Amino acid sequence: MPKASVKRSIECKKKQLIDLVLDVDKYPLFVPFCLGSKVHEKKEQGDLILMIADLTIGKGPLKDTYKSDVKYNKKDDTIFVTNLDGPLKHLENRWHFKQLNKTTEVTFEVDFELKNDFLNMIMTKSFQFGLDKIADAFEKRAEELFNKT
């Protein structure tokens, strides 16, 4: 199963970065390989924000949509995502946010397995590269939105 993590310090407030990550509808504007998104449900339940969302991911002729369960825990500033449906046999990703002076340290961990074994082998080889590209995209988007001078 491909598994990787990335850690970045991004110049913005923690709340701004969390809101950016939870704004799934905007992912096609800046996340590499994200061709579409749709939030089906979003509700607050105590210290949690719960969402059900679709992401369509692809490149060239290959594209697929998967449905995810997204839980943001306000108490510990984490977002936990698992798959509900689609081409993934297994998906877990975690975001953790920590305010450090004028920057926010974000850790993003992904563990997934595709149903297609051949595609799984291909993804394993390039997964860290892809994850770094996604982290770069979030960092660039935060800079564009929050560091206007």
N, C-alpha and C. Protein backbone atom coordinates (compact mmCIF):
# COMPACT_ATOMS: atom_id res chain seq x y z
N MET A 1 0.84 -1.19 0.00
CA MET A 1 0.00 0.00 0.00
C MET A 1 0.88 1.24 0.00
N PRO A 2 0.64 2.16 -0.92
CA PRO A 2 1.39 3.41 -0.87
C PRO A 2 1.09 4.18 0.43
N LYS A 3 2.16 4.65 1.03
CA LYS A 3 2.04 5.40 2.29
C LYS A 3 3.12 6.46 2.27
N ALA A 4 2.75 7.69 2.60
CA ALA A 4 3.74 8.77 2.60
C ALA A 4 3.24 9.89 3.50
N SER A 5 4.16 10.78 3.84
CA SER A 5 3.78 11.96 4.62
C SER A 5 4.65 13.13 4.22
N VAL A 6 4.14 14.31 4.50
CA VAL A 6 4.87 15.53 4.21
C VAL A 6 4.56 16.53 5.33
N LYS A 7 5.57 17.34 5.66
CA LYS A 7 5.39 18.36 6.70
C LYS A 7 5.85 19.69 6.12
N ARG A 8 5.07 20.73 6.35
CA ARG A 8 5.41 22.05 5.85
C ARG A 8 5.11 23.10 6.91
N SER A 9 5.86 24.18 6.86
CA SER A 9 5.55 25.37 7.65
C SER A 9 5.08 26.42 6.66
N ILE A 10 3.85 26.88 6.84
CA ILE A 10 3.23 27.80 5.90
C ILE A 10 2.90 29.09 6.63
N GLU A 11 3.25 30.19 6.01
CA GLU A 11 3.06 31.50 6.63
C GLU A 11 1.59 31.92 6.55
N CYS A 12 0.83 31.54 7.55
CA CYS A 12 -0.57 31.95 7.70
C CYS A 12 -1.05 31.46 9.06
N LYS A 13 -2.24 31.89 9.43
CA LYS A 13 -2.84 31.45 10.69
C LYS A 13 -3.38 30.03 10.53
N LYS A 14 -3.36 29.30 11.63
CA LYS A 14 -3.84 27.92 11.62
C LYS A 14 -5.28 27.83 11.11
N LYS A 15 -6.16 28.69 11.59
CA LYS A 15 -7.57 28.66 11.18
C LYS A 15 -7.71 28.87 9.67
N GLN A 16 -6.89 29.78 9.11
CA GLN A 16 -6.94 30.03 7.67
C GLN A 16 -6.58 28.76 6.89
N LEU A 17 -5.56 28.06 7.33
CA LEU A 17 -5.11 26.86 6.64
C LEU A 17 -6.13 25.73 6.77
N ILE A 18 -6.70 25.59 7.95
CA ILE A 18 -7.74 24.58 8.15
C ILE A 18 -8.93 24.87 7.24
N ASP A 19 -9.37 26.12 7.18
CA ASP A 19 -10.48 26.49 6.31
C ASP A 19 -10.16 26.21 4.84
N LEU A 20 -8.92 26.44 4.44
CA LEU A 20 -8.49 26.15 3.07
C LEU A 20 -8.61 24.66 2.77
N VAL A 21 -8.15 23.82 3.68
CA VAL A 21 -8.21 22.37 3.47
C VAL A 21 -9.66 21.89 3.46
N LEU A 22 -10.51 22.48 4.29
CA LEU A 22 -11.92 22.06 4.34
C LEU A 22 -12.75 22.60 3.17
N ASP A 23 -12.23 23.52 2.40
CA ASP A 23 -12.95 24.09 1.26
C ASP A 23 -12.77 23.21 0.03
N VAL A 24 -13.30 22.00 0.12
CA VAL A 24 -13.14 20.97 -0.91
C VAL A 24 -13.67 21.43 -2.27
N ASP A 25 -14.70 22.25 -2.28
CA ASP A 25 -15.27 22.72 -3.54
C ASP A 25 -14.25 23.47 -4.41
N LYS A 26 -13.23 24.05 -3.78
CA LYS A 26 -12.24 24.84 -4.53
C LYS A 26 -11.04 24.01 -5.01
N TYR A 27 -10.93 22.74 -4.61
CA TYR A 27 -9.78 21.92 -4.97
C TYR A 27 -9.46 21.91 -6.47
N PRO A 28 -10.47 21.82 -7.35
CA PRO A 28 -10.13 21.79 -8.78
C PRO A 28 -9.39 23.04 -9.26
N LEU A 29 -9.47 24.14 -8.52
CA LEU A 29 -8.79 25.37 -8.90
C LEU A 29 -7.28 25.31 -8.68
N PHE A 30 -6.82 24.45 -7.76
CA PHE A 30 -5.40 24.50 -7.44
C PHE A 30 -4.74 23.16 -7.11
N VAL A 31 -5.49 22.11 -6.84
CA VAL A 31 -4.89 20.82 -6.48
C VAL A 31 -4.56 20.04 -7.76
N PRO A 32 -3.29 19.64 -7.92
CA PRO A 32 -2.92 18.87 -9.11
C PRO A 32 -3.73 17.58 -9.22
N PHE A 33 -4.12 17.25 -10.42
CA PHE A 33 -4.84 16.02 -10.74
C PHE A 33 -6.28 16.00 -10.25
N CYS A 34 -6.75 17.08 -9.60
CA CYS A 34 -8.14 17.14 -9.14
C CYS A 34 -8.97 17.81 -10.24
N LEU A 35 -9.84 17.01 -10.84
CA LEU A 35 -10.64 17.48 -11.97
C LEU A 35 -12.03 17.96 -11.55
N GLY A 36 -12.48 17.54 -10.37
CA GLY A 36 -13.80 17.95 -9.90
C GLY A 36 -13.99 17.61 -8.43
N SER A 37 -14.96 18.29 -7.81
CA SER A 37 -15.26 18.01 -6.41
C SER A 37 -16.72 18.36 -6.13
N LYS A 38 -17.26 17.69 -5.15
CA LYS A 38 -18.64 17.97 -4.76
C LYS A 38 -18.82 17.59 -3.29
N VAL A 39 -19.32 18.53 -2.51
CA VAL A 39 -19.64 18.25 -1.11
C VAL A 39 -21.12 17.86 -1.05
N HIS A 40 -21.40 16.64 -0.62
CA HIS A 40 -22.78 16.15 -0.53
C HIS A 40 -23.44 16.55 0.77
N GLU A 41 -22.64 16.61 1.82
CA GLU A 41 -23.20 16.85 3.14
C GLU A 41 -22.13 17.52 4.01
N LYS A 42 -22.56 18.49 4.80
CA LYS A 42 -21.64 19.14 5.76
C LYS A 42 -22.45 19.53 6.98
N LYS A 43 -22.01 19.06 8.15
CA LYS A 43 -22.73 19.40 9.38
C LYS A 43 -21.76 19.48 10.55
N GLU A 44 -22.19 20.22 11.56
CA GLU A 44 -21.41 20.31 12.79
C GLU A 44 -22.06 19.45 13.85
N GLN A 45 -21.22 18.78 14.62
CA GLN A 45 -21.69 17.89 15.68
C GLN A 45 -20.73 18.05 16.85
N GLY A 46 -21.07 18.93 17.77
CA GLY A 46 -20.17 19.19 18.90
C GLY A 46 -18.88 19.80 18.41
N ASP A 47 -17.75 19.13 18.72
CA ASP A 47 -16.43 19.62 18.31
C ASP A 47 -16.01 19.12 16.93
N LEU A 48 -16.93 18.52 16.20
CA LEU A 48 -16.60 17.96 14.89
C LEU A 48 -17.33 18.69 13.76
N ILE A 49 -16.66 18.81 12.63
CA ILE A 49 -17.32 19.16 11.38
C ILE A 49 -17.24 17.89 10.54
N LEU A 50 -18.39 17.42 10.08
CA LEU A 50 -18.47 16.17 9.33
C LEU A 50 -18.90 16.47 7.89
N MET A 51 -18.19 15.87 6.95
CA MET A 51 -18.52 16.07 5.54
C MET A 51 -18.46 14.75 4.79
N ILE A 52 -19.30 14.68 3.76
CA ILE A 52 -19.22 13.61 2.77
C ILE A 52 -18.95 14.32 1.45
N ALA A 53 -17.86 13.96 0.78
CA ALA A 53 -17.47 14.68 -0.43
C ALA A 53 -16.92 13.73 -1.49
N ASP A 54 -17.09 14.12 -2.75
CA ASP A 54 -16.51 13.41 -3.89
C ASP A 54 -15.34 14.20 -4.43
N LEU A 55 -14.30 13.50 -4.83
CA LEU A 55 -13.21 14.10 -5.60
C LEU A 55 -13.04 13.28 -6.87
N THR A 56 -12.92 13.97 -7.98
CA THR A 56 -12.59 13.31 -9.24
C THR A 56 -11.13 13.62 -9.52
N ILE A 57 -10.34 12.55 -9.59
CA ILE A 57 -8.90 12.65 -9.75
C ILE A 57 -8.52 12.00 -11.07
N GLY A 58 -7.56 12.57 -11.77
CA GLY A 58 -7.12 11.93 -13.00
C GLY A 58 -6.08 12.72 -13.74
N LYS A 59 -5.62 12.10 -14.81
CA LYS A 59 -4.67 12.73 -15.71
C LYS A 59 -4.80 12.01 -17.04
N GLY A 60 -4.89 12.81 -18.09
CA GLY A 60 -5.07 12.22 -19.42
C GLY A 60 -6.36 11.43 -19.48
N PRO A 61 -6.29 10.23 -20.04
CA PRO A 61 -7.52 9.43 -20.19
C PRO A 61 -7.96 8.74 -18.89
N LEU A 62 -7.10 8.74 -17.90
CA LEU A 62 -7.42 8.07 -16.64
C LEU A 62 -8.05 9.05 -15.66
N LYS A 63 -9.27 8.76 -15.24
CA LYS A 63 -9.90 9.57 -14.20
C LYS A 63 -10.92 8.73 -13.46
N ASP A 64 -11.10 9.05 -12.21
CA ASP A 64 -12.05 8.31 -11.38
C ASP A 64 -12.51 9.20 -10.24
N THR A 65 -13.69 8.88 -9.73
CA THR A 65 -14.26 9.64 -8.62
C THR A 65 -14.35 8.75 -7.40
N TYR A 66 -13.96 9.30 -6.27
CA TYR A 66 -14.14 8.55 -5.02
C TYR A 66 -14.83 9.43 -4.00
N LYS A 67 -15.61 8.77 -3.17
CA LYS A 67 -16.38 9.43 -2.12
C LYS A 67 -15.65 9.25 -0.80
N SER A 68 -15.57 10.34 -0.02
CA SER A 68 -14.84 10.32 1.24
C SER A 68 -15.68 10.81 2.41
N ASP A 69 -15.33 10.30 3.57
CA ASP A 69 -15.87 10.76 4.84
C ASP A 69 -14.79 11.64 5.47
N VAL A 70 -15.11 12.90 5.73
CA VAL A 70 -14.15 13.86 6.25
C VAL A 70 -14.59 14.31 7.64
N LYS A 71 -13.68 14.20 8.60
CA LYS A 71 -13.99 14.62 9.98
C LYS A 71 -12.92 15.61 10.44
N TYR A 72 -13.37 16.83 10.76
CA TYR A 72 -12.46 17.82 11.34
C TYR A 72 -12.75 17.90 12.83
N ASN A 73 -11.74 17.66 13.64
CA ASN A 73 -11.86 17.73 15.09
C ASN A 73 -11.29 19.07 15.56
N LYS A 74 -12.16 19.95 16.03
CA LYS A 74 -11.76 21.30 16.45
C LYS A 74 -10.86 21.25 17.69
N LYS A 75 -11.02 20.23 18.53
CA LYS A 75 -10.25 20.16 19.77
C LYS A 75 -8.76 19.93 19.51
N ASP A 76 -8.44 19.02 18.59
CA ASP A 76 -7.03 18.71 18.36
C ASP A 76 -6.53 19.16 16.98
N ASP A 77 -7.35 19.95 16.28
CA ASP A 77 -6.95 20.52 14.99
C ASP A 77 -6.45 19.45 14.02
N THR A 78 -7.25 18.40 13.87
CA THR A 78 -6.92 17.35 12.91
C THR A 78 -8.08 17.14 11.94
N ILE A 79 -7.74 16.73 10.76
CA ILE A 79 -8.73 16.32 9.77
C ILE A 79 -8.40 14.89 9.42
N PHE A 80 -9.40 14.02 9.48
CA PHE A 80 -9.22 12.61 9.19
C PHE A 80 -10.16 12.24 8.05
N VAL A 81 -9.62 11.62 7.00
CA VAL A 81 -10.40 11.29 5.81
C VAL A 81 -10.30 9.79 5.54
N THR A 82 -11.44 9.16 5.28
CA THR A 82 -11.47 7.76 4.85
C THR A 82 -12.36 7.65 3.62
N ASN A 83 -12.11 6.63 2.82
CA ASN A 83 -12.92 6.44 1.61
C ASN A 83 -14.21 5.71 1.92
N LEU A 84 -15.24 6.04 1.15
CA LEU A 84 -16.53 5.37 1.27
C LEU A 84 -16.85 4.56 0.02
N ASP A 85 -16.39 5.07 -1.15
CA ASP A 85 -16.73 4.43 -2.41
C ASP A 85 -15.75 4.89 -3.48
N GLY A 86 -15.63 4.10 -4.54
CA GLY A 86 -14.79 4.49 -5.67
C GLY A 86 -13.68 3.48 -5.92
N PRO A 87 -12.60 3.93 -6.57
CA PRO A 87 -11.53 3.03 -7.00
C PRO A 87 -10.56 2.62 -5.89
N LEU A 88 -10.78 3.15 -4.69
CA LEU A 88 -9.88 2.86 -3.59
C LEU A 88 -10.37 1.69 -2.76
N LYS A 89 -9.46 0.77 -2.52
CA LYS A 89 -9.75 -0.33 -1.61
C LYS A 89 -9.65 0.19 -0.17
N HIS A 90 -8.74 1.16 0.00
CA HIS A 90 -8.45 1.68 1.34
C HIS A 90 -7.91 3.09 1.21
N LEU A 91 -8.36 4.00 2.05
CA LEU A 91 -7.79 5.35 2.12
C LEU A 91 -7.90 5.86 3.54
N GLU A 92 -6.80 6.36 4.03
CA GLU A 92 -6.77 7.12 5.28
C GLU A 92 -5.82 8.27 5.06
N ASN A 93 -6.30 9.47 5.29
CA ASN A 93 -5.35 10.57 5.33
C ASN A 93 -5.65 11.45 6.52
N ARG A 94 -4.58 11.98 7.08
CA ARG A 94 -4.67 12.82 8.28
C ARG A 94 -3.92 14.12 8.03
N TRP A 95 -4.57 15.18 8.46
CA TRP A 95 -3.94 16.50 8.47
C TRP A 95 -3.85 16.90 9.93
N HIS A 96 -2.70 17.44 10.33
CA HIS A 96 -2.55 17.99 11.68
C HIS A 96 -1.95 19.37 11.57
N PHE A 97 -2.53 20.33 12.29
CA PHE A 97 -2.15 21.74 12.20
C PHE A 97 -1.67 22.23 13.55
N LYS A 98 -0.55 22.98 13.54
CA LYS A 98 -0.01 23.52 14.78
C LYS A 98 0.50 24.94 14.52
N GLN A 99 -0.02 25.91 15.29
CA GLN A 99 0.41 27.31 15.13
C GLN A 99 1.78 27.50 15.76
N LEU A 100 2.71 28.07 15.00
CA LEU A 100 4.06 28.39 15.48
C LEU A 100 4.34 29.84 15.12
N ASN A 101 4.18 30.75 16.06
CA ASN A 101 4.36 32.18 15.80
C ASN A 101 3.53 32.61 14.59
N LYS A 102 4.19 33.05 13.51
CA LYS A 102 3.47 33.54 12.34
C LYS A 102 3.24 32.46 11.28
N THR A 103 3.65 31.25 11.58
CA THR A 103 3.47 30.17 10.61
C THR A 103 2.63 29.05 11.22
N THR A 104 2.10 28.23 10.34
CA THR A 104 1.38 27.04 10.76
C THR A 104 2.13 25.83 10.23
N GLU A 105 2.43 24.91 11.13
CA GLU A 105 3.06 23.66 10.72
C GLU A 105 1.94 22.69 10.40
N VAL A 106 1.96 22.16 9.20
CA VAL A 106 0.95 21.19 8.79
C VAL A 106 1.65 19.89 8.43
N THR A 107 1.10 18.80 8.94
CA THR A 107 1.58 17.46 8.60
C THR A 107 0.44 16.77 7.88
N PHE A 108 0.76 16.18 6.73
CA PHE A 108 -0.23 15.49 5.91
C PHE A 108 0.27 14.08 5.66
N GLU A 109 -0.50 13.09 6.12
CA GLU A 109 -0.12 11.68 5.97
C GLU A 109 -1.20 10.98 5.14
N VAL A 110 -0.77 10.16 4.19
CA VAL A 110 -1.71 9.43 3.35
C VAL A 110 -1.31 7.96 3.30
N ASP A 111 -2.31 7.11 3.41
CA ASP A 111 -2.14 5.67 3.30
C ASP A 111 -3.31 5.18 2.44
N PHE A 112 -3.03 4.60 1.29
CA PHE A 112 -4.14 4.16 0.44
C PHE A 112 -3.76 2.95 -0.38
N GLU A 113 -4.78 2.30 -0.91
CA GLU A 113 -4.60 1.18 -1.83
C GLU A 113 -5.72 1.23 -2.85
N LEU A 114 -5.34 1.14 -4.12
CA LEU A 114 -6.32 1.10 -5.20
C LEU A 114 -6.84 -0.32 -5.39
N LYS A 115 -8.03 -0.44 -5.93
CA LYS A 115 -8.59 -1.76 -6.23
C LYS A 115 -7.83 -2.41 -7.39
N ASN A 116 -7.30 -1.61 -8.31
CA ASN A 116 -6.57 -2.09 -9.48
C ASN A 116 -5.10 -2.31 -9.11
N ASP A 117 -4.65 -3.57 -9.09
CA ASP A 117 -3.28 -3.89 -8.65
C ASP A 117 -2.21 -3.26 -9.54
N PHE A 118 -2.45 -3.22 -10.85
CA PHE A 118 -1.48 -2.64 -11.77
C PHE A 118 -1.29 -1.15 -11.49
N LEU A 119 -2.41 -0.42 -11.35
CA LEU A 119 -2.33 1.01 -11.04
C LEU A 119 -1.69 1.23 -9.67
N ASN A 120 -1.95 0.32 -8.75
CA ASN A 120 -1.35 0.40 -7.41
C ASN A 120 0.17 0.36 -7.50
N MET A 121 0.72 -0.52 -8.35
CA MET A 121 2.18 -0.61 -8.52
C MET A 121 2.73 0.69 -9.08
N ILE A 122 2.04 1.26 -10.07
CA ILE A 122 2.49 2.51 -10.68
C ILE A 122 2.46 3.63 -9.64
N MET A 123 1.37 3.72 -8.90
CA MET A 123 1.22 4.79 -7.90
C MET A 123 2.27 4.68 -6.80
N THR A 124 2.63 3.48 -6.41
CA THR A 124 3.62 3.29 -5.36
C THR A 124 4.94 3.94 -5.74
N LYS A 125 5.32 3.84 -6.99
CA LYS A 125 6.60 4.38 -7.46
C LYS A 125 6.63 5.91 -7.45
N SER A 126 5.48 6.55 -7.73
CA SER A 126 5.49 8.02 -7.87
C SER A 126 4.70 8.73 -6.78
N PHE A 127 4.33 8.01 -5.74
CA PHE A 127 3.42 8.56 -4.76
C PHE A 127 3.99 9.73 -3.96
N GLN A 128 5.23 9.60 -3.46
CA GLN A 128 5.81 10.70 -2.67
C GLN A 128 5.93 11.96 -3.53
N PHE A 129 6.31 11.80 -4.79
CA PHE A 129 6.39 12.93 -5.72
C PHE A 129 5.02 13.61 -5.83
N GLY A 130 3.98 12.82 -6.01
CA GLY A 130 2.62 13.37 -6.14
C GLY A 130 2.18 14.07 -4.87
N LEU A 131 2.49 13.48 -3.72
CA LEU A 131 2.13 14.09 -2.44
C LEU A 131 2.86 15.42 -2.24
N ASP A 132 4.12 15.47 -2.63
CA ASP A 132 4.87 16.73 -2.54
C ASP A 132 4.23 17.79 -3.44
N LYS A 133 3.78 17.40 -4.63
CA LYS A 133 3.12 18.34 -5.55
C LYS A 133 1.83 18.88 -4.93
N ILE A 134 1.08 18.03 -4.26
CA ILE A 134 -0.17 18.45 -3.62
C ILE A 134 0.15 19.42 -2.47
N ALA A 135 1.16 19.08 -1.66
CA ALA A 135 1.57 19.98 -0.56
C ALA A 135 2.03 21.32 -1.11
N ASP A 136 2.78 21.30 -2.22
CA ASP A 136 3.21 22.55 -2.86
C ASP A 136 2.00 23.39 -3.26
N ALA A 137 0.97 22.72 -3.79
CA ALA A 137 -0.22 23.44 -4.26
C ALA A 137 -0.96 24.10 -3.09
N PHE A 138 -1.07 23.42 -1.96
CA PHE A 138 -1.72 24.03 -0.79
C PHE A 138 -0.89 25.19 -0.25
N GLU A 139 0.43 25.03 -0.24
CA GLU A 139 1.29 26.10 0.24
C GLU A 139 1.17 27.33 -0.67
N LYS A 140 1.20 27.12 -1.97
CA LYS A 140 1.09 28.22 -2.92
C LYS A 140 -0.27 28.92 -2.80
N ARG A 141 -1.33 28.13 -2.67
CA ARG A 141 -2.68 28.69 -2.54
C ARG A 141 -2.78 29.54 -1.26
N ALA A 142 -2.22 29.04 -0.15
CA ALA A 142 -2.23 29.81 1.11
C ALA A 142 -1.47 31.12 0.95
N GLU A 143 -0.34 31.08 0.27
CA GLU A 143 0.43 32.30 0.04
C GLU A 143 -0.40 33.32 -0.78
N GLU A 144 -1.06 32.81 -1.83
CA GLU A 144 -1.87 33.68 -2.68
C GLU A 144 -3.04 34.32 -1.91
N LEU A 145 -3.68 33.53 -1.06
CA LEU A 145 -4.86 34.01 -0.35
C LEU A 145 -4.56 34.85 0.88
N PHE A 146 -3.51 34.49 1.62
CA PHE A 146 -3.33 35.06 2.94
C PHE A 146 -2.11 35.98 3.08
N ASN A 147 -1.24 36.04 2.10
CA ASN A 147 -0.03 36.85 2.24
C ASN A 147 0.02 37.97 1.20
N LYS A 148 -1.11 38.57 0.97
CA LYS A 148 -1.17 39.71 0.04
C LYS A 148 -0.59 40.94 0.73
N THR A 149 0.34 41.58 0.06
CA THR A 149 0.93 42.79 0.67
C THR A 149 0.64 44.00 -0.17
